[in-house]
Amino acid sequence: MKQDSENKPYYERYLSEDIPFDSDKQIAVIKCSICTGEKVAGFKSKEDGHFTEVMLIRGAKDLDLFKEIYKIEEIKKEY
């Protein structure tokens, strides 16, 4: 992981640039596994339903970080 003089890790600074979010074409979604309990945050296309994984959600801190990076208030859960 690339680091420079800033205190934030690389993924926090560039995640929104690497994987853009367009609220007109995409929905913020958390995919939850019924079997393992694993949660993955990402974006689902409104047009064709394609899901783009963005980050693993291990707890409330990760979810808050995802919301902060992409400036999202509400996230839909899918099982």
PDB file of N, CA and C in Angstrom:
ATOM      1  N   MET A   1       0.833  -1.168   0.000  1.00  0.00           N
ATOM      2  CA  MET A   1       0.000   0.000   0.000  1.00  0.00           C
ATOM      3  C   MET A   1       0.888   1.245   0.000  1.00  0.00           C
ATOM      4  N   LYS A   2       0.617   2.154  -0.878  1.00  0.00           N
ATOM      5  CA  LYS A   2       1.408   3.372  -1.011  1.00  0.00           C
ATOM      6  C   LYS A   2       1.087   4.340   0.132  1.00  0.00           C
ATOM      7  N   GLN A   3       2.115   4.905   0.721  1.00  0.00           N
ATOM      8  CA  GLN A   3       1.948   5.893   1.780  1.00  0.00           C
ATOM      9  C   GLN A   3       2.756   7.134   1.407  1.00  0.00           C
ATOM     10  N   ASP A   4       2.241   8.293   1.772  1.00  0.00           N
ATOM     11  CA  ASP A   4       3.036   9.507   1.613  1.00  0.00           C
ATOM     12  C   ASP A   4       2.944  10.316   2.893  1.00  0.00           C
ATOM     13  N   SER A   5       3.176  11.608   2.835  1.00  0.00           N
ATOM     14  CA  SER A   5       3.278  12.409   4.040  1.00  0.00           C
ATOM     15  C   SER A   5       1.956  12.588   4.787  1.00  0.00           C
ATOM     16  N   GLU A   6       0.822  12.330   4.146  1.00  0.00           N
ATOM     17  CA  GLU A   6      -0.460  12.458   4.837  1.00  0.00           C
ATOM     18  C   GLU A   6      -0.656  11.290   5.796  1.00  0.00           C
ATOM     19  N   ASN A   7      -1.493  11.509   6.805  1.00  0.00           N
ATOM     20  CA  ASN A   7      -1.746  10.478   7.801  1.00  0.00           C
ATOM     21  C   ASN A   7      -2.762   9.440   7.353  1.00  0.00           C
ATOM     22  N   LYS A   8      -3.612   9.772   6.382  1.00  0.00           N
ATOM     23  CA  LYS A   8      -4.630   8.826   5.927  1.00  0.00           C
ATOM     24  C   LYS A   8      -4.008   7.754   5.051  1.00  0.00           C
ATOM     25  N   PRO A   9      -4.443   6.497   5.199  1.00  0.00           N
ATOM     26  CA  PRO A   9      -3.967   5.431   4.313  1.00  0.00           C
ATOM     27  C   PRO A   9      -4.397   5.675   2.868  1.00  0.00           C
ATOM     28  N   TYR A  10      -3.693   5.058   1.966  1.00  0.00           N
ATOM     29  CA  TYR A  10      -3.931   5.193   0.525  1.00  0.00           C
ATOM     30  C   TYR A  10      -5.379   4.930   0.159  1.00  0.00           C
ATOM     31  N   TYR A  11      -5.961   3.836   0.679  1.00  0.00           N
ATOM     32  CA  TYR A  11      -7.311   3.455   0.272  1.00  0.00           C
ATOM     33  C   TYR A  11      -8.350   4.480   0.712  1.00  0.00           C
ATOM     34  N   GLU A  12      -8.126   5.181   1.822  1.00  0.00           N
ATOM     35  CA  GLU A  12      -9.084   6.175   2.277  1.00  0.00           C
ATOM     36  C   GLU A  12      -9.066   7.417   1.396  1.00  0.00           C
ATOM     37  N   ARG A  13      -7.913   7.765   0.859  1.00  0.00           N
ATOM     38  CA  ARG A  13      -7.809   8.974   0.043  1.00  0.00           C
ATOM     39  C   ARG A  13      -8.262   8.751  -1.379  1.00  0.00           C
ATOM     40  N   TYR A  14      -8.046   7.578  -1.937  1.00  0.00           N
ATOM     41  CA  TYR A  14      -8.275   7.358  -3.357  1.00  0.00           C
ATOM     42  C   TYR A  14      -9.417   6.408  -3.689  1.00  0.00           C
ATOM     43  N   LEU A  15     -10.096   5.864  -2.687  1.00  0.00           N
ATOM     44  CA  LEU A  15     -11.155   4.899  -2.937  1.00  0.00           C
ATOM     45  C   LEU A  15     -12.278   5.506  -3.775  1.00  0.00           C
ATOM     46  N   SER A  16     -12.713   6.705  -3.450  1.00  0.00           N
ATOM     47  CA  SER A  16     -13.813   7.316  -4.199  1.00  0.00           C
ATOM     48  C   SER A  16     -13.395   7.680  -5.622  1.00  0.00           C
ATOM     49  N   GLU A  17     -12.099   7.904  -5.858  1.00  0.00           N
ATOM     50  CA  GLU A  17     -11.617   8.185  -7.208  1.00  0.00           C
ATOM     51  C   GLU A  17     -11.499   6.900  -8.027  1.00  0.00           C
ATOM     52  N   ASP A  18     -11.053   5.823  -7.399  1.00  0.00           N
ATOM     53  CA  ASP A  18     -10.865   4.545  -8.087  1.00  0.00           C
ATOM     54  C   ASP A  18     -12.198   3.889  -8.441  1.00  0.00           C
ATOM     55  N   ILE A  19     -13.172   3.973  -7.534  1.00  0.00           N
ATOM     56  CA  ILE A  19     -14.489   3.386  -7.757  1.00  0.00           C
ATOM     57  C   ILE A  19     -15.525   4.492  -7.555  1.00  0.00           C
ATOM     58  N   PRO A  20     -15.888   5.193  -8.624  1.00  0.00           N
ATOM     59  CA  PRO A  20     -16.825   6.311  -8.492  1.00  0.00           C
ATOM     60  C   PRO A  20     -18.254   5.853  -8.210  1.00  0.00           C
ATOM     61  N   PHE A  21     -19.034   6.721  -7.567  1.00  0.00           N
ATOM     62  CA  PHE A  21     -20.429   6.451  -7.246  1.00  0.00           C
ATOM     63  C   PHE A  21     -21.302   7.507  -7.901  1.00  0.00           C
ATOM     64  N   ASP A  22     -22.254   7.064  -8.720  1.00  0.00           N
ATOM     65  CA  ASP A  22     -23.197   7.958  -9.378  1.00  0.00           C
ATOM     66  C   ASP A  22     -24.588   7.608  -8.856  1.00  0.00           C
ATOM     67  N   SER A  23     -25.138   8.475  -8.005  1.00  0.00           N
ATOM     68  CA  SER A  23     -26.425   8.170  -7.369  1.00  0.00           C
ATOM     69  C   SER A  23     -27.587   8.105  -8.360  1.00  0.00           C
ATOM     70  N   ASP A  24     -27.424   8.670  -9.555  1.00  0.00           N
ATOM     71  CA  ASP A  24     -28.471   8.589 -10.566  1.00  0.00           C
ATOM     72  C   ASP A  24     -28.522   7.212 -11.214  1.00  0.00           C
ATOM     73  N   LYS A  25     -27.373   6.526 -11.289  1.00  0.00           N
ATOM     74  CA  LYS A  25     -27.293   5.235 -11.971  1.00  0.00           C
ATOM     75  C   LYS A  25     -27.072   4.057 -11.031  1.00  0.00           C
ATOM     76  N   GLN A  26     -26.697   4.330  -9.761  1.00  0.00           N
ATOM     77  CA  GLN A  26     -26.357   3.253  -8.829  1.00  0.00           C
ATOM     78  C   GLN A  26     -27.047   3.434  -7.488  1.00  0.00           C
ATOM     79  N   ILE A  27     -27.164   2.320  -6.755  1.00  0.00           N
ATOM     80  CA  ILE A  27     -27.715   2.301  -5.407  1.00  0.00           C
ATOM     81  C   ILE A  27     -26.637   1.761  -4.481  1.00  0.00           C
ATOM     82  N   ALA A  28     -26.442   2.401  -3.326  1.00  0.00           N
ATOM     83  CA  ALA A  28     -25.504   1.888  -2.329  1.00  0.00           C
ATOM     84  C   ALA A  28     -26.149   0.685  -1.640  1.00  0.00           C
ATOM     85  N   VAL A  29     -25.414  -0.439  -1.597  1.00  0.00           N
ATOM     86  CA  VAL A  29     -25.958  -1.698  -1.081  1.00  0.00           C
ATOM     87  C   VAL A  29     -24.929  -2.389  -0.198  1.00  0.00           C
ATOM     88  N   ILE A  30     -25.427  -3.042   0.855  1.00  0.00           N
ATOM     89  CA  ILE A  30     -24.589  -3.946   1.645  1.00  0.00           C
ATOM     90  C   ILE A  30     -25.114  -5.345   1.384  1.00  0.00           C
ATOM     91  N   LYS A  31     -24.267  -6.199   0.821  1.00  0.00           N
ATOM     92  CA  LYS A  31     -24.636  -7.599   0.590  1.00  0.00           C
ATOM     93  C   LYS A  31     -24.227  -8.386   1.828  1.00  0.00           C
ATOM     94  N   CYS A  32     -25.200  -9.057   2.431  1.00  0.00           N
ATOM     95  CA  CYS A  32     -24.971  -9.830   3.643  1.00  0.00           C
ATOM     96  C   CYS A  32     -25.153 -11.317   3.347  1.00  0.00           C
ATOM     97  N   SER A  33     -24.186 -12.121   3.764  1.00  0.00           N
ATOM     98  CA  SER A  33     -24.278 -13.563   3.589  1.00  0.00           C
ATOM     99  C   SER A  33     -25.065 -14.169   4.746  1.00  0.00           C
ATOM    100  N   ILE A  34     -26.061 -14.954   4.427  1.00  0.00           N
ATOM    101  CA  ILE A  34     -26.858 -15.618   5.455  1.00  0.00           C
ATOM    102  C   ILE A  34     -26.028 -16.692   6.158  1.00  0.00           C
ATOM    103  N   CYS A  35     -25.177 -17.380   5.413  1.00  0.00           N
ATOM    104  CA  CYS A  35     -24.395 -18.495   5.961  1.00  0.00           C
ATOM    105  C   CYS A  35     -23.244 -18.026   6.844  1.00  0.00           C
ATOM    106  N   THR A  36     -22.414 -17.118   6.327  1.00  0.00           N
ATOM    107  CA  THR A  36     -21.193 -16.739   7.028  1.00  0.00           C
ATOM    108  C   THR A  36     -21.304 -15.429   7.791  1.00  0.00           C
ATOM    109  N   GLY A  37     -22.297 -14.612   7.481  1.00  0.00           N
ATOM    110  CA  GLY A  37     -22.440 -13.326   8.141  1.00  0.00           C
ATOM    111  C   GLY A  37     -21.558 -12.245   7.545  1.00  0.00           C
ATOM    112  N   GLU A  38     -20.819 -12.576   6.486  1.00  0.00           N
ATOM    113  CA  GLU A  38     -19.934 -11.603   5.847  1.00  0.00           C
ATOM    114  C   GLU A  38     -20.760 -10.487   5.203  1.00  0.00           C
ATOM    115  N   LYS A  39     -20.262  -9.252   5.334  1.00  0.00           N
ATOM    116  CA  LYS A  39     -20.933  -8.097   4.743  1.00  0.00           C
ATOM    117  C   LYS A  39     -19.965  -7.375   3.822  1.00  0.00           C
ATOM    118  N   VAL A  40     -20.449  -7.043   2.629  1.00  0.00           N
ATOM    119  CA  VAL A  40     -19.648  -6.334   1.642  1.00  0.00           C
ATOM    120  C   VAL A  40     -20.439  -5.128   1.164  1.00  0.00           C
ATOM    121  N   ALA A  41     -19.823  -3.952   1.232  1.00  0.00           N
ATOM    122  CA  ALA A  41     -20.465  -2.731   0.753  1.00  0.00           C
ATOM    123  C   ALA A  41     -20.078  -2.494  -0.692  1.00  0.00           C
ATOM    124  N   GLY A  42     -21.014  -1.975  -1.449  1.00  0.00           N
ATOM    125  CA  GLY A  42     -20.735  -1.681  -2.844  1.00  0.00           C
ATOM    126  C   GLY A  42     -21.889  -0.966  -3.488  1.00  0.00           C
ATOM    127  N   PHE A  43     -21.892  -0.988  -4.818  1.00  0.00           N
ATOM    128  CA  PHE A  43     -22.907  -0.282  -5.578  1.00  0.00           C
ATOM    129  C   PHE A  43     -23.575  -1.210  -6.582  1.00  0.00           C
ATOM    130  N   LYS A  44     -24.889  -1.120  -6.663  1.00  0.00           N
ATOM    131  CA  LYS A  44     -25.672  -1.936  -7.586  1.00  0.00           C
ATOM    132  C   LYS A  44     -26.241  -1.027  -8.666  1.00  0.00           C
ATOM    133  N   SER A  45     -26.051  -1.436  -9.904  1.00  0.00           N
ATOM    134  CA  SER A  45     -26.546  -0.668 -11.043  1.00  0.00           C
ATOM    135  C   SER A  45     -28.071  -0.725 -11.086  1.00  0.00           C
ATOM    136  N   LYS A  46     -28.688   0.418 -11.295  1.00  0.00           N
ATOM    137  CA  LYS A  46     -30.147   0.470 -11.429  1.00  0.00           C
ATOM    138  C   LYS A  46     -30.596  -0.116 -12.764  1.00  0.00           C
ATOM    139  N   GLU A  47     -29.728  -0.085 -13.753  1.00  0.00           N
ATOM    140  CA  GLU A  47     -30.079  -0.550 -15.093  1.00  0.00           C
ATOM    141  C   GLU A  47     -30.079  -2.071 -15.222  1.00  0.00           C
ATOM    142  N   ASP A  48     -28.954  -2.705 -14.835  1.00  0.00           N
ATOM    143  CA  ASP A  48     -28.839  -4.147 -15.066  1.00  0.00           C
ATOM    144  C   ASP A  48     -28.609  -4.976 -13.801  1.00  0.00           C
ATOM    145  N   GLY A  49     -28.538  -4.344 -12.630  1.00  0.00           N
ATOM    146  CA  GLY A  49     -28.380  -5.072 -11.379  1.00  0.00           C
ATOM    147  C   GLY A  49     -26.965  -5.534 -11.069  1.00  0.00           C
ATOM    148  N   HIS A  50     -25.986  -5.108 -11.889  1.00  0.00           N
ATOM    149  CA  HIS A  50     -24.585  -5.490 -11.653  1.00  0.00           C
ATOM    150  C   HIS A  50     -24.100  -4.894 -10.334  1.00  0.00           C
ATOM    151  N   PHE A  51     -23.469  -5.722  -9.482  1.00  0.00           N
ATOM    152  CA  PHE A  51     -22.952  -5.284  -8.184  1.00  0.00           C
ATOM    153  C   PHE A  51     -21.445  -5.089  -8.269  1.00  0.00           C
ATOM    154  N   THR A  52     -20.975  -3.926  -7.829  1.00  0.00           N
ATOM    155  CA  THR A  52     -19.545  -3.623  -7.773  1.00  0.00           C
ATOM    156  C   THR A  52     -19.125  -3.588  -6.313  1.00  0.00           C
ATOM    157  N   GLU A  53     -18.271  -4.546  -5.908  1.00  0.00           N
ATOM    158  CA  GLU A  53     -17.769  -4.599  -4.537  1.00  0.00           C
ATOM    159  C   GLU A  53     -16.808  -3.455  -4.298  1.00  0.00           C
ATOM    160  N   VAL A  54     -16.933  -2.815  -3.133  1.00  0.00           N
ATOM    161  CA  VAL A  54     -16.030  -1.721  -2.799  1.00  0.00           C
ATOM    162  C   VAL A  54     -15.186  -2.072  -1.588  1.00  0.00           C
ATOM    163  N   MET A  55     -15.826  -2.491  -0.502  1.00  0.00           N
ATOM    164  CA  MET A  55     -15.038  -2.827   0.689  1.00  0.00           C
ATOM    165  C   MET A  55     -15.781  -3.790   1.611  1.00  0.00           C
ATOM    166  N   LEU A  56     -14.999  -4.543   2.367  1.00  0.00           N
ATOM    167  CA  LEU A  56     -15.518  -5.470   3.358  1.00  0.00           C
ATOM    168  C   LEU A  56     -15.938  -4.680   4.590  1.00  0.00           C
ATOM    169  N   ILE A  57     -17.097  -5.005   5.144  1.00  0.00           N
ATOM    170  CA  ILE A  57     -17.592  -4.338   6.347  1.00  0.00           C
ATOM    171  C   ILE A  57     -17.421  -5.299   7.522  1.00  0.00           C
ATOM    172  N   ARG A  58     -16.478  -4.981   8.404  1.00  0.00           N
ATOM    173  CA  ARG A  58     -16.222  -5.837   9.565  1.00  0.00           C
ATOM    174  C   ARG A  58     -16.912  -5.344  10.821  1.00  0.00           C
ATOM    175  N   GLY A  59     -17.381  -4.106  10.787  1.00  0.00           N
ATOM    176  CA  GLY A  59     -18.059  -3.549  11.953  1.00  0.00           C
ATOM    177  C   GLY A  59     -18.601  -2.161  11.649  1.00  0.00           C
ATOM    178  N   ALA A  60     -19.116  -1.519  12.686  1.00  0.00           N
ATOM    179  CA  ALA A  60     -19.730  -0.199  12.532  1.00  0.00           C
ATOM    180  C   ALA A  60     -18.730   0.846  12.038  1.00  0.00           C
ATOM    181  N   LYS A  61     -17.483   0.698  12.455  1.00  0.00           N
ATOM    182  CA  LYS A  61     -16.447   1.659  12.039  1.00  0.00           C
ATOM    183  C   LYS A  61     -16.233   1.624  10.516  1.00  0.00           C
ATOM    184  N   ASP A  62     -16.186   0.421   9.946  1.00  0.00           N
ATOM    185  CA  ASP A  62     -16.026   0.277   8.495  1.00  0.00           C
ATOM    186  C   ASP A  62     -17.231   0.838   7.743  1.00  0.00           C
ATOM    187  N   LEU A  63     -18.431   0.602   8.264  1.00  0.00           N
ATOM    188  CA  LEU A  63     -19.641   1.119   7.636  1.00  0.00           C
ATOM    189  C   LEU A  63     -19.647   2.647   7.661  1.00  0.00           C
ATOM    190  N   ASP A  64     -19.268   3.227   8.791  1.00  0.00           N
ATOM    191  CA  ASP A  64     -19.203   4.687   8.894  1.00  0.00           C
ATOM    192  C   ASP A  64     -18.167   5.259   7.933  1.00  0.00           C
ATOM    193  N   LEU A  65     -17.045   4.575   7.782  1.00  0.00           N
ATOM    194  CA  LEU A  65     -15.999   5.015   6.853  1.00  0.00           C
ATOM    195  C   LEU A  65     -16.510   4.978   5.414  1.00  0.00           C
ATOM    196  N   PHE A  66     -17.211   3.917   5.037  1.00  0.00           N
ATOM    197  CA  PHE A  66     -17.782   3.799   3.697  1.00  0.00           C
ATOM    198  C   PHE A  66     -18.753   4.946   3.432  1.00  0.00           C
ATOM    199  N   LYS A  67     -19.633   5.209   4.391  1.00  0.00           N
ATOM    200  CA  LYS A  67     -20.601   6.297   4.244  1.00  0.00           C
ATOM    201  C   LYS A  67     -19.903   7.652   4.124  1.00  0.00           C
ATOM    202  N   GLU A  68     -18.847   7.835   4.897  1.00  0.00           N
ATOM    203  CA  GLU A  68     -18.106   9.101   4.883  1.00  0.00           C
ATOM    204  C   GLU A  68     -17.385   9.309   3.550  1.00  0.00           C
ATOM    205  N   ILE A  69     -16.721   8.293   3.056  1.00  0.00           N
ATOM    206  CA  ILE A  69     -15.956   8.404   1.809  1.00  0.00           C
ATOM    207  C   ILE A  69     -16.873   8.759   0.642  1.00  0.00           C
ATOM    208  N   TYR A  70     -18.034   8.105   0.571  1.00  0.00           N
ATOM    209  CA  TYR A  70     -18.935   8.309  -0.561  1.00  0.00           C
ATOM    210  C   TYR A  70     -20.085   9.271  -0.263  1.00  0.00           C
ATOM    211  N   LYS A  71     -20.078   9.862   0.947  1.00  0.00           N
ATOM    212  CA  LYS A  71     -21.115  10.825   1.355  1.00  0.00           C
ATOM    213  C   LYS A  71     -22.516  10.251   1.164  1.00  0.00           C
ATOM    214  N   ILE A  72     -22.730   9.080   1.784  1.00  0.00           N
ATOM    215  CA  ILE A  72     -23.990   8.348   1.702  1.00  0.00           C
ATOM    216  C   ILE A  72     -24.666   8.380   3.072  1.00  0.00           C
ATOM    217  N   GLU A  73     -25.966   8.601   3.067  1.00  0.00           N
ATOM    218  CA  GLU A  73     -26.709   8.609   4.335  1.00  0.00           C
ATOM    219  C   GLU A  73     -27.448   7.302   4.582  1.00  0.00           C
ATOM    220  N   GLU A  74     -27.977   6.721   3.498  1.00  0.00           N
ATOM    221  CA  GLU A  74     -28.786   5.515   3.639  1.00  0.00           C
ATOM    222  C   GLU A  74     -28.259   4.410   2.730  1.00  0.00           C
ATOM    223  N   ILE A  75     -28.168   3.195   3.279  1.00  0.00           N
ATOM    224  CA  ILE A  75     -27.691   2.046   2.517  1.00  0.00           C
ATOM    225  C   ILE A  75     -28.693   0.911   2.635  1.00  0.00           C
ATOM    226  N   LYS A  76     -29.025   0.316   1.495  1.00  0.00           N
ATOM    227  CA  LYS A  76     -29.952  -0.809   1.447  1.00  0.00           C
ATOM    228  C   LYS A  76     -29.196  -2.103   1.731  1.00  0.00           C
ATOM    229  N   LYS A  77     -29.819  -3.027   2.465  1.00  0.00           N
ATOM    230  CA  LYS A  77     -29.218  -4.344   2.723  1.00  0.00           C
ATOM    231  C   LYS A  77     -29.882  -5.386   1.847  1.00  0.00           C
ATOM    232  N   GLU A  78     -29.063  -6.297   1.297  1.00  0.00           N
ATOM    233  CA  GLU A  78     -29.576  -7.420   0.526  1.00  0.00           C
ATOM    234  C   GLU A  78     -28.981  -8.704   1.065  1.00  0.00           C
ATOM    235  N   TYR A  79     -29.794  -9.744   1.100  1.00  0.00           N
ATOM    236  CA  TYR A  79     -29.348 -11.054   1.597  1.00  0.00           C
ATOM    237  C   TYR A  79     -29.300 -12.058   0.484  1.00  0.00           C
TER     238      TYR A  79
END
